[in-house]
Amino acid sequence: MTPVPAIRPISDLRTDLSDVCECARDSQQPIFMTKNGKASLVVMDCEAYERQRQHERYVLKLREAEIESRYHPEAVSLDEMDKRVAKVLASARREPSRACA
């Protein structure tokens, strides 16, 4: 069940900042600050923010892996990869370097 978001007037930042900070730290949820009845700012505990960012990075990596698996479905063993790398390195050693004159 999703928690009900905390909504507070932006004036609380001036008049009751310590309570806003404590609420953000204790709830580990964003606090929506309103100005004239409209959302204006979001205040969030730093640790909660970092966890959210880390979660977003994990989701992005999973999406990248899904896309990668869609376009490259075959798996390559470590031995096969070693052979491919050795072949590339061997061909690179045979070719003379082309330095600019």
C-alpha atoms as a PDB file:
ATOM      1  CA  MET A   1       0.000   0.000   0.000  1.00  0.00           C
ATOM      2  CA  THR A   2       1.398   3.395  -1.008  1.00  0.00           C
ATOM      3  CA  PRO A   3       1.756   5.873   1.859  1.00  0.00           C
ATOM      4  CA  VAL A   4      -0.218   9.095   1.691  1.00  0.00           C
ATOM      5  CA  PRO A   5       2.162  11.861   0.589  1.00  0.00           C
ATOM      6  CA  ALA A   6       3.035  14.539   3.123  1.00  0.00           C
ATOM      7  CA  ILE A   7       1.884  17.961   1.956  1.00  0.00           C
ATOM      8  CA  ARG A   8       2.903  21.113   3.784  1.00  0.00           C
ATOM      9  CA  PRO A   9       2.862  24.821   3.030  1.00  0.00           C
ATOM     10  CA  ILE A  10       6.164  26.256   1.864  1.00  0.00           C
ATOM     11  CA  SER A  11       6.029  28.738   4.750  1.00  0.00           C
ATOM     12  CA  ASP A  12       6.888  25.813   7.057  1.00  0.00           C
ATOM     13  CA  LEU A  13      10.426  26.007   5.700  1.00  0.00           C
ATOM     14  CA  ARG A  14      10.722  29.427   7.301  1.00  0.00           C
ATOM     15  CA  THR A  15       8.658  28.893  10.439  1.00  0.00           C
ATOM     16  CA  ASP A  16       9.223  25.216  11.287  1.00  0.00           C
ATOM     17  CA  LEU A  17      12.260  23.980   9.346  1.00  0.00           C
ATOM     18  CA  SER A  18      13.416  21.574  12.063  1.00  0.00           C
ATOM     19  CA  ASP A  19      10.027  19.809  12.034  1.00  0.00           C
ATOM     20  CA  VAL A  20      10.099  19.541   8.220  1.00  0.00           C
ATOM     21  CA  CYS A  21      13.591  18.021   8.410  1.00  0.00           C
ATOM     22  CA  GLU A  22      12.555  15.616  11.168  1.00  0.00           C
ATOM     23  CA  CYS A  23       9.450  14.559   9.227  1.00  0.00           C
ATOM     24  CA  ALA A  24      11.512  13.907   6.082  1.00  0.00           C
ATOM     25  CA  ARG A  25      14.106  11.928   8.045  1.00  0.00           C
ATOM     26  CA  ASP A  26      11.543   9.879   9.987  1.00  0.00           C
ATOM     27  CA  SER A  27       9.212   9.100   7.084  1.00  0.00           C
ATOM     28  CA  GLN A  28      11.931   8.570   4.446  1.00  0.00           C
ATOM     29  CA  GLN A  29       9.305   9.853   1.986  1.00  0.00           C
ATOM     30  CA  PRO A  30       9.213  13.077  -0.009  1.00  0.00           C
ATOM     31  CA  ILE A  31       7.359  16.044   1.459  1.00  0.00           C
ATOM     32  CA  PHE A  32       5.492  18.137  -1.076  1.00  0.00           C
ATOM     33  CA  MET A  33       5.656  21.836  -0.311  1.00  0.00           C
ATOM     34  CA  THR A  34       2.860  24.025  -1.643  1.00  0.00           C
ATOM     35  CA  LYS A  35       2.736  27.704  -2.445  1.00  0.00           C
ATOM     36  CA  ASN A  36      -0.707  29.271  -2.887  1.00  0.00           C
ATOM     37  CA  GLY A  37      -2.205  25.771  -2.937  1.00  0.00           C
ATOM     38  CA  LYS A  38      -0.002  24.495  -5.769  1.00  0.00           C
ATOM     39  CA  ALA A  39       2.958  22.125  -5.573  1.00  0.00           C
ATOM     40  CA  SER A  40       6.159  24.140  -5.536  1.00  0.00           C
ATOM     41  CA  LEU A  41       8.985  22.071  -3.996  1.00  0.00           C
ATOM     42  CA  VAL A  42       9.746  18.557  -2.853  1.00  0.00           C
ATOM     43  CA  VAL A  43      11.836  18.052   0.279  1.00  0.00           C
ATOM     44  CA  MET A  44      13.443  14.684   0.839  1.00  0.00           C
ATOM     45  CA  ASP A  45      15.896  13.168   3.306  1.00  0.00           C
ATOM     46  CA  CYS A  46      19.338  12.748   1.746  1.00  0.00           C
ATOM     47  CA  GLU A  47      19.564   9.001   2.487  1.00  0.00           C
ATOM     48  CA  ALA A  48      16.119   8.400   0.978  1.00  0.00           C
ATOM     49  CA  TYR A  49      17.134  10.425  -2.067  1.00  0.00           C
ATOM     50  CA  GLU A  50      20.325   8.388  -2.529  1.00  0.00           C
ATOM     51  CA  ARG A  51      18.358   5.123  -2.232  1.00  0.00           C
ATOM     52  CA  GLN A  52      15.917   6.362  -4.850  1.00  0.00           C
ATOM     53  CA  ARG A  53      18.745   7.337  -7.203  1.00  0.00           C
ATOM     54  CA  GLN A  54      20.398   3.937  -6.707  1.00  0.00           C
ATOM     55  CA  HIS A  55      17.077   2.227  -7.470  1.00  0.00           C
ATOM     56  CA  GLU A  56      16.754   4.288 -10.663  1.00  0.00           C
ATOM     57  CA  ARG A  57      20.278   3.248 -11.696  1.00  0.00           C
ATOM     58  CA  TYR A  58      19.396  -0.431 -11.117  1.00  0.00           C
ATOM     59  CA  VAL A  59      16.233  -0.097 -13.198  1.00  0.00           C
ATOM     60  CA  LEU A  60      18.209   1.578 -15.994  1.00  0.00           C
ATOM     61  CA  LYS A  61      20.819  -1.205 -15.962  1.00  0.00           C
ATOM     62  CA  LEU A  62      18.072  -3.847 -16.097  1.00  0.00           C
ATOM     63  CA  ARG A  63      16.494  -2.099 -19.085  1.00  0.00           C
ATOM     64  CA  GLU A  64      19.873  -1.954 -20.809  1.00  0.00           C
ATOM     65  CA  ALA A  65      20.383  -5.670 -20.154  1.00  0.00           C
ATOM     66  CA  GLU A  66      16.933  -6.466 -21.572  1.00  0.00           C
ATOM     67  CA  ILE A  67      17.684  -4.484 -24.729  1.00  0.00           C
ATOM     68  CA  GLU A  68      21.100  -6.096 -25.031  1.00  0.00           C
ATOM     69  CA  SER A  69      19.625  -9.587 -24.678  1.00  0.00           C
ATOM     70  CA  ARG A  70      17.037  -8.788 -27.352  1.00  0.00           C
ATOM     71  CA  TYR A  71      19.686  -7.806 -29.910  1.00  0.00           C
ATOM     72  CA  HIS A  72      22.407 -10.246 -28.825  1.00  0.00           C
ATOM     73  CA  PRO A  73      20.576 -13.334 -27.581  1.00  0.00           C
ATOM     74  CA  GLU A  74      23.518 -15.707 -27.883  1.00  0.00           C
ATOM     75  CA  ALA A  75      25.779 -16.263 -24.911  1.00  0.00           C
ATOM     76  CA  VAL A  76      29.529 -16.483 -25.385  1.00  0.00           C
ATOM     77  CA  SER A  77      31.634 -18.656 -23.118  1.00  0.00           C
ATOM     78  CA  LEU A  78      34.766 -17.308 -21.497  1.00  0.00           C
ATOM     79  CA  ASP A  79      36.918 -19.656 -23.625  1.00  0.00           C
ATOM     80  CA  GLU A  80      35.257 -18.419 -26.815  1.00  0.00           C
ATOM     81  CA  MET A  81      35.737 -14.809 -25.747  1.00  0.00           C
ATOM     82  CA  ASP A  82      39.414 -15.470 -24.994  1.00  0.00           C
ATOM     83  CA  LYS A  83      39.841 -16.942 -28.491  1.00  0.00           C
ATOM     84  CA  ARG A  84      38.150 -13.926 -30.092  1.00  0.00           C
ATOM     85  CA  VAL A  85      40.300 -11.464 -28.143  1.00  0.00           C
ATOM     86  CA  ALA A  86      43.482 -13.399 -28.959  1.00  0.00           C
ATOM     87  CA  LYS A  87      42.551 -13.359 -32.659  1.00  0.00           C
ATOM     88  CA  VAL A  88      41.987  -9.590 -32.623  1.00  0.00           C
ATOM     89  CA  LEU A  89      45.258  -8.972 -30.773  1.00  0.00           C
ATOM     90  CA  ALA A  90      47.184 -11.241 -33.141  1.00  0.00           C
ATOM     91  CA  SER A  91      45.856  -9.415 -36.193  1.00  0.00           C
ATOM     92  CA  ALA A  92      46.689  -6.075 -34.578  1.00  0.00           C
ATOM     93  CA  ARG A  93      50.294  -7.180 -34.007  1.00  0.00           C
ATOM     94  CA  ARG A  94      50.700  -8.281 -37.658  1.00  0.00           C
ATOM     95  CA  GLU A  95      49.556  -4.959 -39.095  1.00  0.00           C
ATOM     96  CA  PRO A  96      52.251  -2.267 -39.164  1.00  0.00           C
ATOM     97  CA  SER A  97      51.398   0.855 -37.244  1.00  0.00           C
ATOM     98  CA  ARG A  98      50.352   3.776 -39.368  1.00  0.00           C
ATOM     99  CA  ALA A  99      51.806   6.910 -37.811  1.00  0.00           C
ATOM    100  CA  CYS A 100      51.049  10.307 -39.230  1.00  0.00           C
ATOM    101  CA  ALA A 101      53.893  11.880 -41.147  1.00  0.00           C
END
